[in-house]
Each structure stands twice: as structure tokens, then as C-alpha cells.
């Protein structure tokens, strides 16, 4: 999967709020609010905190119950909803999420997946299946 901790960075000039909303609640009641300051502010978010098994879907046999989380993380700028939201499943896939405003004044959300470049081994290995007994860098 992805990272358990996700960094959410705000590159806008305005402060943003990420409001955690769970489906059976009223539209104006939020479980928690994450505030991130403008111009480079960031927060580390543990996505496991937002996974709630609150909605159930019954299978055809009525014996198997599948739990589905209906949690949404909605992004607000200065108290105005931007139209963007995250699901906890989507948040787990990214190591860093960048919120920014482009040249046209539109709000942009960009996710960066985790990469592990520090684990690569550099060395010389001999592969006998190559023609001419060549050496190859790993």
C-alpha cells in the first residue's frame, strides 16, 4: 500500500482547514478539524485515525457483513469549501499531499507517492546469461 503517515503541505497564501466528516452526521458537524497555516505550513497526518467502520453493507447471504468507512476529509480555504475531498483510502497511497493555487487562481491538489531511493544497492554483478561475459551495474 503506502505510507501510514502522510504530510499535507499548504503552499497557498491562505490558511486551509481539512474537516473530517462522517456520513450519518449533519452536514455542519465535523469529527475533527486540521488547520494548516499558509505559505509552507505542513502537518503530518496518520490516516489510520480516520478509518471508521461505521457503515455496513449486507451481502446476498445476509451472513457476510462488509464494513465500509464513509469518512470524508473535505478541504476548506478561509471557511469556503473548495470542492476537493479525500477518502482515507486515497490518503494512504501518498507520502505527501501538496495544496497550491495555480496561475489561473484555481485550487490544485497534488499527491506524491512514496519512493525508496535510499535502499538501492550500487555494485558490480556478474550475469553469466549475458553474451560475452559482460558485467552490469546494479
N, C-alpha and C. Protein backbone atom coordinates (compact mmCIF):
# COMPACT_ATOMS: atom_id res chain seq x y z
N UNK A 1 0.85 -1.17 0.00
CA UNK A 1 0.00 0.00 0.00
C UNK A 1 0.89 1.23 0.00
N UNK A 2 0.79 2.04 1.02
CA UNK A 2 1.54 3.28 1.01
C UNK A 2 1.99 3.64 2.40
N UNK A 3 2.12 4.89 2.63
CA UNK A 3 2.63 5.38 3.89
C UNK A 3 1.51 5.45 4.92
N UNK A 4 1.84 5.19 6.19
CA UNK A 4 0.87 5.37 7.25
C UNK A 4 0.78 6.84 7.62
N UNK A 5 1.91 7.53 7.57
CA UNK A 5 1.93 8.96 7.83
C UNK A 5 1.98 9.70 6.50
N UNK A 6 1.11 10.66 6.36
CA UNK A 6 1.07 11.47 5.16
C UNK A 6 1.30 12.92 5.56
N UNK A 7 2.18 13.60 4.86
CA UNK A 7 2.43 15.02 5.11
C UNK A 7 1.54 15.82 4.18
N UNK A 8 0.77 16.74 4.75
CA UNK A 8 -0.06 17.63 3.96
C UNK A 8 0.57 19.01 4.04
N UNK A 9 0.98 19.55 2.89
CA UNK A 9 1.67 20.83 2.83
C UNK A 9 0.79 21.87 2.17
N UNK A 10 0.78 23.07 2.73
CA UNK A 10 -0.01 24.17 2.19
C UNK A 10 0.93 25.20 1.59
N UNK A 11 0.89 25.37 0.27
CA UNK A 11 1.71 26.37 -0.40
C UNK A 11 0.91 27.60 -0.80
N UNK A 12 -0.34 27.67 -0.37
CA UNK A 12 -1.19 28.84 -0.66
C UNK A 12 -0.83 29.99 0.27
N UNK A 13 -1.30 31.17 -0.04
CA UNK A 13 -1.13 32.31 0.85
C UNK A 13 -2.14 32.29 1.99
N UNK A 14 -3.21 31.53 1.83
CA UNK A 14 -4.28 31.48 2.81
C UNK A 14 -4.17 30.21 3.64
N UNK A 15 -4.72 30.26 4.86
CA UNK A 15 -4.77 29.07 5.70
C UNK A 15 -5.83 28.12 5.16
N UNK A 16 -5.57 26.82 5.29
CA UNK A 16 -6.57 25.84 4.88
C UNK A 16 -6.98 25.01 6.09
N UNK A 17 -8.18 24.47 6.00
CA UNK A 17 -8.70 23.56 7.01
C UNK A 17 -9.11 22.27 6.31
N UNK A 18 -8.80 21.17 6.94
CA UNK A 18 -9.27 19.87 6.46
C UNK A 18 -10.23 19.37 7.52
N UNK A 19 -11.50 19.31 7.15
CA UNK A 19 -12.56 18.94 8.09
C UNK A 19 -12.95 17.48 7.85
N UNK A 20 -12.93 16.71 8.93
CA UNK A 20 -13.23 15.28 8.86
C UNK A 20 -14.72 15.10 9.13
N UNK A 21 -15.42 14.58 8.13
CA UNK A 21 -16.87 14.41 8.21
C UNK A 21 -17.21 12.94 8.05
N UNK A 22 -18.05 12.43 8.94
CA UNK A 22 -18.51 11.04 8.87
C UNK A 22 -19.98 11.05 8.49
N UNK A 23 -20.36 10.21 7.56
CA UNK A 23 -21.62 10.28 6.83
C UNK A 23 -22.92 10.40 7.62
N UNK A 24 -23.20 9.67 8.68
CA UNK A 24 -24.52 9.85 9.28
C UNK A 24 -24.70 11.18 10.01
N UNK A 25 -23.65 11.94 10.18
CA UNK A 25 -23.73 13.21 10.91
C UNK A 25 -24.37 14.30 10.05
N UNK A 26 -24.77 15.38 10.71
CA UNK A 26 -25.30 16.53 9.98
C UNK A 26 -24.20 17.15 9.13
N UNK A 27 -24.56 17.85 8.05
CA UNK A 27 -23.54 18.43 7.17
C UNK A 27 -22.65 19.48 7.83
N UNK A 28 -23.08 20.06 8.94
CA UNK A 28 -22.27 21.08 9.60
C UNK A 28 -21.56 20.55 10.84
N UNK A 29 -21.63 19.26 11.11
CA UNK A 29 -20.95 18.66 12.26
C UNK A 29 -19.76 17.85 11.78
N UNK A 30 -18.59 18.21 12.28
CA UNK A 30 -17.36 17.54 11.86
C UNK A 30 -16.74 16.83 13.05
N UNK A 31 -16.11 15.70 12.79
CA UNK A 31 -15.48 14.92 13.85
C UNK A 31 -14.22 15.63 14.35
N UNK A 32 -13.44 16.17 13.43
CA UNK A 32 -12.25 16.94 13.81
C UNK A 32 -11.89 17.89 12.67
N UNK A 33 -11.08 18.90 13.00
CA UNK A 33 -10.64 19.88 12.02
C UNK A 33 -9.13 19.99 12.11
N UNK A 34 -8.45 19.86 10.97
CA UNK A 34 -7.00 20.00 10.89
C UNK A 34 -6.72 21.35 10.24
N UNK A 35 -6.04 22.25 10.96
CA UNK A 35 -5.72 23.57 10.42
C UNK A 35 -4.25 23.61 10.01
N UNK A 36 -4.00 24.13 8.80
CA UNK A 36 -2.64 24.24 8.28
C UNK A 36 -2.41 25.68 7.86
N UNK A 37 -1.35 26.29 8.38
CA UNK A 37 -1.04 27.69 8.08
C UNK A 37 -0.61 27.85 6.63
N UNK A 38 -0.75 29.06 6.12
CA UNK A 38 -0.39 29.36 4.74
C UNK A 38 1.11 29.50 4.54
N UNK A 39 1.51 29.52 3.27
CA UNK A 39 2.90 29.74 2.84
C UNK A 39 3.88 28.75 3.44
N UNK A 40 3.67 27.49 3.16
CA UNK A 40 4.64 26.47 3.56
C UNK A 40 4.32 25.73 4.84
N UNK A 41 3.18 25.97 5.45
CA UNK A 41 2.81 25.22 6.64
C UNK A 41 2.51 23.77 6.28
N UNK A 42 2.74 22.85 7.21
CA UNK A 42 2.51 21.44 6.94
C UNK A 42 2.12 20.72 8.22
N UNK A 43 1.46 19.58 8.04
CA UNK A 43 1.08 18.71 9.16
C UNK A 43 1.27 17.27 8.75
N UNK A 44 1.69 16.45 9.70
CA UNK A 44 1.75 15.01 9.49
C UNK A 44 0.42 14.42 9.95
N UNK A 45 -0.19 13.62 9.10
CA UNK A 45 -1.49 13.05 9.38
C UNK A 45 -1.39 11.54 9.34
N UNK A 46 -1.87 10.88 10.38
CA UNK A 46 -1.92 9.42 10.39
C UNK A 46 -3.27 9.01 9.83
N UNK A 47 -3.27 8.37 8.69
CA UNK A 47 -4.53 8.05 8.01
C UNK A 47 -5.32 6.97 8.73
N UNK A 48 -4.70 6.20 9.60
CA UNK A 48 -5.43 5.18 10.35
C UNK A 48 -6.41 5.80 11.34
N UNK A 49 -6.18 7.04 11.75
CA UNK A 49 -7.08 7.70 12.69
C UNK A 49 -8.43 8.00 12.07
N UNK A 50 -8.52 8.04 10.75
CA UNK A 50 -9.75 8.43 10.08
C UNK A 50 -10.57 7.25 9.57
N UNK A 51 -10.06 6.04 9.70
CA UNK A 51 -10.78 4.88 9.19
C UNK A 51 -11.76 4.42 10.26
N UNK A 52 -13.04 4.56 9.96
CA UNK A 52 -14.10 4.15 10.87
C UNK A 52 -14.98 3.15 10.14
N UNK A 53 -15.29 2.05 10.79
CA UNK A 53 -16.20 1.07 10.19
C UNK A 53 -17.60 1.39 10.69
N UNK A 54 -18.20 2.41 10.14
CA UNK A 54 -19.48 2.88 10.65
C UNK A 54 -20.64 2.52 9.74
N UNK A 55 -20.39 2.23 8.49
CA UNK A 55 -21.46 1.86 7.57
C UNK A 55 -21.33 0.38 7.23
N UNK A 56 -22.43 -0.33 7.22
CA UNK A 56 -22.39 -1.75 6.91
C UNK A 56 -23.16 -2.03 5.64
N UNK A 57 -22.65 -2.96 4.85
CA UNK A 57 -23.32 -3.41 3.64
C UNK A 57 -23.50 -4.91 3.78
N UNK A 58 -24.74 -5.37 3.71
CA UNK A 58 -25.01 -6.80 3.83
C UNK A 58 -24.84 -7.48 2.49
N UNK A 59 -24.29 -8.68 2.52
CA UNK A 59 -24.13 -9.47 1.31
C UNK A 59 -25.46 -10.16 0.99
N UNK A 60 -25.54 -10.86 -0.14
CA UNK A 60 -26.77 -11.55 -0.53
C UNK A 60 -27.15 -12.65 0.45
N UNK A 61 -26.17 -13.27 1.08
CA UNK A 61 -26.44 -14.36 2.02
C UNK A 61 -26.91 -13.85 3.37
N UNK A 62 -26.76 -12.60 3.64
CA UNK A 62 -27.07 -11.97 4.94
C UNK A 62 -26.20 -12.51 6.07
N UNK A 63 -25.22 -13.34 5.75
CA UNK A 63 -24.30 -13.84 6.76
C UNK A 63 -23.02 -13.02 6.78
N UNK A 64 -22.58 -12.62 5.61
CA UNK A 64 -21.33 -11.87 5.49
C UNK A 64 -21.62 -10.38 5.59
N UNK A 65 -20.92 -9.72 6.48
CA UNK A 65 -21.07 -8.27 6.62
C UNK A 65 -19.75 -7.62 6.22
N UNK A 66 -19.80 -6.69 5.30
CA UNK A 66 -18.62 -5.94 4.89
C UNK A 66 -18.70 -4.55 5.52
N UNK A 67 -17.62 -4.13 6.14
CA UNK A 67 -17.58 -2.81 6.75
C UNK A 67 -16.95 -1.82 5.79
N UNK A 68 -17.61 -0.69 5.61
CA UNK A 68 -17.14 0.34 4.70
C UNK A 68 -17.07 1.65 5.46
N UNK A 69 -15.96 2.32 5.37
CA UNK A 69 -15.82 3.62 6.03
C UNK A 69 -16.40 4.70 5.14
N UNK A 70 -17.19 5.57 5.74
CA UNK A 70 -17.79 6.66 4.97
C UNK A 70 -17.22 8.00 5.41
N UNK A 71 -15.97 8.01 5.82
CA UNK A 71 -15.32 9.23 6.27
C UNK A 71 -14.80 10.01 5.07
N UNK A 72 -15.02 11.33 5.09
CA UNK A 72 -14.51 12.22 4.04
C UNK A 72 -13.67 13.31 4.69
N UNK A 73 -12.55 13.64 4.09
CA UNK A 73 -11.73 14.75 4.55
C UNK A 73 -11.90 15.87 3.53
N UNK A 74 -12.63 16.90 3.90
CA UNK A 74 -13.01 17.98 2.99
C UNK A 74 -12.07 19.17 3.19
N UNK A 75 -11.63 19.79 2.09
CA UNK A 75 -10.67 20.90 2.14
C UNK A 75 -11.40 22.23 2.04
N UNK A 76 -11.13 23.11 3.00
CA UNK A 76 -11.71 24.45 3.05
C UNK A 76 -10.60 25.48 3.04
N UNK A 77 -10.80 26.61 2.33
CA UNK A 77 -9.89 27.75 2.38
C UNK A 77 -10.68 28.94 2.90
N UNK A 78 -10.23 29.51 4.00
CA UNK A 78 -10.90 30.65 4.64
C UNK A 78 -12.39 30.38 4.84
N UNK A 79 -12.74 29.17 5.25
CA UNK A 79 -14.12 28.83 5.55
C UNK A 79 -14.98 28.50 4.34
N UNK A 80 -14.41 28.48 3.14
CA UNK A 80 -15.17 28.19 1.92
C UNK A 80 -14.72 26.83 1.38
N UNK A 81 -15.71 25.96 1.09
CA UNK A 81 -15.41 24.62 0.57
C UNK A 81 -14.85 24.73 -0.84
N UNK A 82 -13.73 24.05 -1.10
CA UNK A 82 -13.05 24.13 -2.40
C UNK A 82 -13.61 23.15 -3.42
N UNK A 83 -14.36 22.16 -2.98
CA UNK A 83 -14.85 21.13 -3.89
C UNK A 83 -13.96 19.90 -3.91
N UNK A 84 -12.86 19.93 -3.18
CA UNK A 84 -11.94 18.79 -3.11
C UNK A 84 -12.14 18.06 -1.79
N UNK A 85 -12.04 16.74 -1.85
CA UNK A 85 -12.10 15.93 -0.64
C UNK A 85 -11.22 14.70 -0.82
N UNK A 86 -10.82 14.12 0.31
CA UNK A 86 -10.05 12.88 0.33
C UNK A 86 -10.88 11.81 0.99
N UNK A 87 -10.66 10.59 0.59
CA UNK A 87 -11.11 9.44 1.33
C UNK A 87 -9.88 8.87 2.02
N UNK A 88 -10.02 8.25 3.20
CA UNK A 88 -8.84 7.69 3.88
C UNK A 88 -8.08 6.69 3.03
N UNK A 89 -8.78 5.97 2.16
CA UNK A 89 -8.11 5.00 1.28
C UNK A 89 -7.18 5.72 0.31
N UNK A 90 -7.58 6.89 -0.18
CA UNK A 90 -6.74 7.66 -1.09
C UNK A 90 -5.57 8.30 -0.36
N UNK A 91 -5.79 8.70 0.88
CA UNK A 91 -4.74 9.38 1.64
C UNK A 91 -3.59 8.43 1.97
N UNK A 92 -3.89 7.14 2.15
CA UNK A 92 -2.86 6.15 2.49
C UNK A 92 -1.87 5.97 1.35
N UNK A 93 -2.29 6.20 0.11
CA UNK A 93 -1.44 5.95 -1.06
C UNK A 93 -0.32 6.96 -1.22
N UNK A 94 -0.42 8.11 -0.57
CA UNK A 94 0.53 9.19 -0.81
C UNK A 94 1.38 9.47 0.43
N UNK A 95 2.65 9.78 0.21
CA UNK A 95 3.54 10.18 1.29
C UNK A 95 3.41 11.68 1.56
N UNK A 96 3.07 12.45 0.52
CA UNK A 96 2.94 13.90 0.66
C UNK A 96 1.83 14.39 -0.24
N UNK A 97 1.01 15.29 0.28
CA UNK A 97 -0.05 15.93 -0.49
C UNK A 97 0.21 17.43 -0.45
N UNK A 98 0.29 18.05 -1.63
CA UNK A 98 0.59 19.48 -1.74
C UNK A 98 -0.66 20.20 -2.22
N UNK A 99 -1.07 21.22 -1.46
CA UNK A 99 -2.20 22.06 -1.82
C UNK A 99 -1.65 23.41 -2.27
N UNK A 100 -2.05 23.87 -3.45
CA UNK A 100 -1.49 25.09 -4.02
C UNK A 100 -2.55 25.77 -4.88
N UNK A 101 -2.29 27.02 -5.23
CA UNK A 101 -3.13 27.76 -6.17
C UNK A 101 -2.29 28.06 -7.40
N UNK A 102 -2.79 27.70 -8.60
CA UNK A 102 -2.00 27.89 -9.82
C UNK A 102 -2.12 29.32 -10.35
N UNK A 103 -1.56 29.58 -11.55
CA UNK A 103 -1.53 30.93 -12.12
C UNK A 103 -2.92 31.47 -12.41
N UNK A 104 -3.86 30.56 -12.70
CA UNK A 104 -5.22 30.98 -13.03
C UNK A 104 -6.07 31.22 -11.79
N UNK A 105 -5.53 30.99 -10.61
CA UNK A 105 -6.27 31.19 -9.38
C UNK A 105 -7.10 29.99 -8.97
N UNK A 106 -6.86 28.84 -9.59
CA UNK A 106 -7.60 27.63 -9.26
C UNK A 106 -6.85 26.82 -8.21
N UNK A 107 -7.58 26.21 -7.31
CA UNK A 107 -7.00 25.39 -6.26
C UNK A 107 -6.57 24.05 -6.84
N UNK A 108 -5.35 23.62 -6.53
CA UNK A 108 -4.78 22.39 -7.09
C UNK A 108 -4.29 21.52 -5.94
N UNK A 109 -4.61 20.23 -6.01
CA UNK A 109 -4.13 19.25 -5.03
C UNK A 109 -3.28 18.24 -5.78
N UNK A 110 -2.05 18.02 -5.29
CA UNK A 110 -1.11 17.10 -5.95
C UNK A 110 -0.62 16.10 -4.92
N UNK A 111 -0.64 14.81 -5.26
CA UNK A 111 -0.16 13.77 -4.37
C UNK A 111 1.16 13.20 -4.87
N UNK A 112 2.08 12.96 -3.94
CA UNK A 112 3.38 12.38 -4.27
C UNK A 112 3.47 11.02 -3.58
N UNK A 113 3.68 9.97 -4.37
CA UNK A 113 3.76 8.62 -3.83
C UNK A 113 5.12 8.40 -3.19
N UNK A 114 5.19 7.50 -2.19
CA UNK A 114 6.48 7.25 -1.54
C UNK A 114 7.43 6.49 -2.47
N UNK A 115 8.67 6.91 -2.49
CA UNK A 115 9.72 6.20 -3.23
C UNK A 115 10.85 5.92 -2.26
N UNK A 116 11.52 4.83 -2.47
CA UNK A 116 12.58 4.42 -1.56
C UNK A 116 13.90 4.34 -2.30
N UNK A 117 14.43 5.48 -2.70
CA UNK A 117 15.70 5.52 -3.43
C UNK A 117 16.89 5.17 -2.55
N UNK A 118 16.76 5.35 -1.25
CA UNK A 118 17.89 5.13 -0.37
C UNK A 118 18.19 3.64 -0.19
N UNK A 119 17.33 2.73 -0.62
CA UNK A 119 17.53 1.30 -0.44
C UNK A 119 18.24 0.63 -1.61
N UNK A 120 18.51 1.36 -2.66
CA UNK A 120 19.12 0.75 -3.84
C UNK A 120 20.59 0.43 -3.58
N UNK A 121 21.00 -0.75 -4.04
CA UNK A 121 22.37 -1.19 -3.87
C UNK A 121 23.16 -0.90 -5.13
N UNK A 122 24.28 -0.22 -4.97
CA UNK A 122 25.15 0.05 -6.12
C UNK A 122 26.37 -0.87 -5.99
N UNK A 123 26.56 -1.65 -7.03
CA UNK A 123 27.68 -2.57 -7.03
C UNK A 123 27.81 -3.21 -8.39
N UNK A 124 28.79 -4.04 -8.54
CA UNK A 124 29.04 -4.69 -9.82
C UNK A 124 28.68 -6.17 -9.67
N UNK A 125 27.86 -6.67 -10.58
CA UNK A 125 27.45 -8.07 -10.53
C UNK A 125 27.77 -8.74 -11.86
N UNK A 126 28.03 -10.02 -11.80
CA UNK A 126 28.34 -10.79 -13.00
C UNK A 126 27.12 -11.63 -13.35
N UNK A 127 26.61 -11.46 -14.57
CA UNK A 127 25.46 -12.22 -15.03
C UNK A 127 25.92 -13.16 -16.15
N UNK A 128 25.99 -14.47 -15.89
CA UNK A 128 26.50 -15.41 -16.89
C UNK A 128 25.60 -15.57 -18.11
N UNK A 129 24.34 -15.21 -18.00
CA UNK A 129 23.44 -15.38 -19.13
C UNK A 129 23.63 -14.30 -20.20
N UNK A 130 24.41 -13.26 -19.91
CA UNK A 130 24.67 -12.23 -20.90
C UNK A 130 25.77 -12.70 -21.86
N UNK A 131 25.66 -12.34 -23.11
CA UNK A 131 26.67 -12.72 -24.09
C UNK A 131 27.97 -11.96 -23.84
N UNK A 132 29.05 -12.63 -24.07
CA UNK A 132 30.36 -12.00 -23.96
C UNK A 132 30.81 -11.80 -22.52
N UNK A 133 30.15 -12.41 -21.57
CA UNK A 133 30.53 -12.32 -20.15
C UNK A 133 30.70 -10.87 -19.72
N UNK A 134 29.66 -10.08 -19.93
CA UNK A 134 29.71 -8.66 -19.57
C UNK A 134 29.36 -8.47 -18.10
N UNK A 135 29.84 -7.39 -17.56
CA UNK A 135 29.47 -7.01 -16.21
C UNK A 135 28.42 -5.91 -16.31
N UNK A 136 27.55 -5.87 -15.35
CA UNK A 136 26.46 -4.89 -15.39
C UNK A 136 26.36 -4.21 -14.03
N UNK A 137 26.13 -2.93 -14.06
CA UNK A 137 25.95 -2.17 -12.81
C UNK A 137 24.53 -2.33 -12.32
N UNK A 138 24.38 -2.55 -11.04
CA UNK A 138 23.05 -2.66 -10.44
C UNK A 138 22.72 -1.35 -9.76
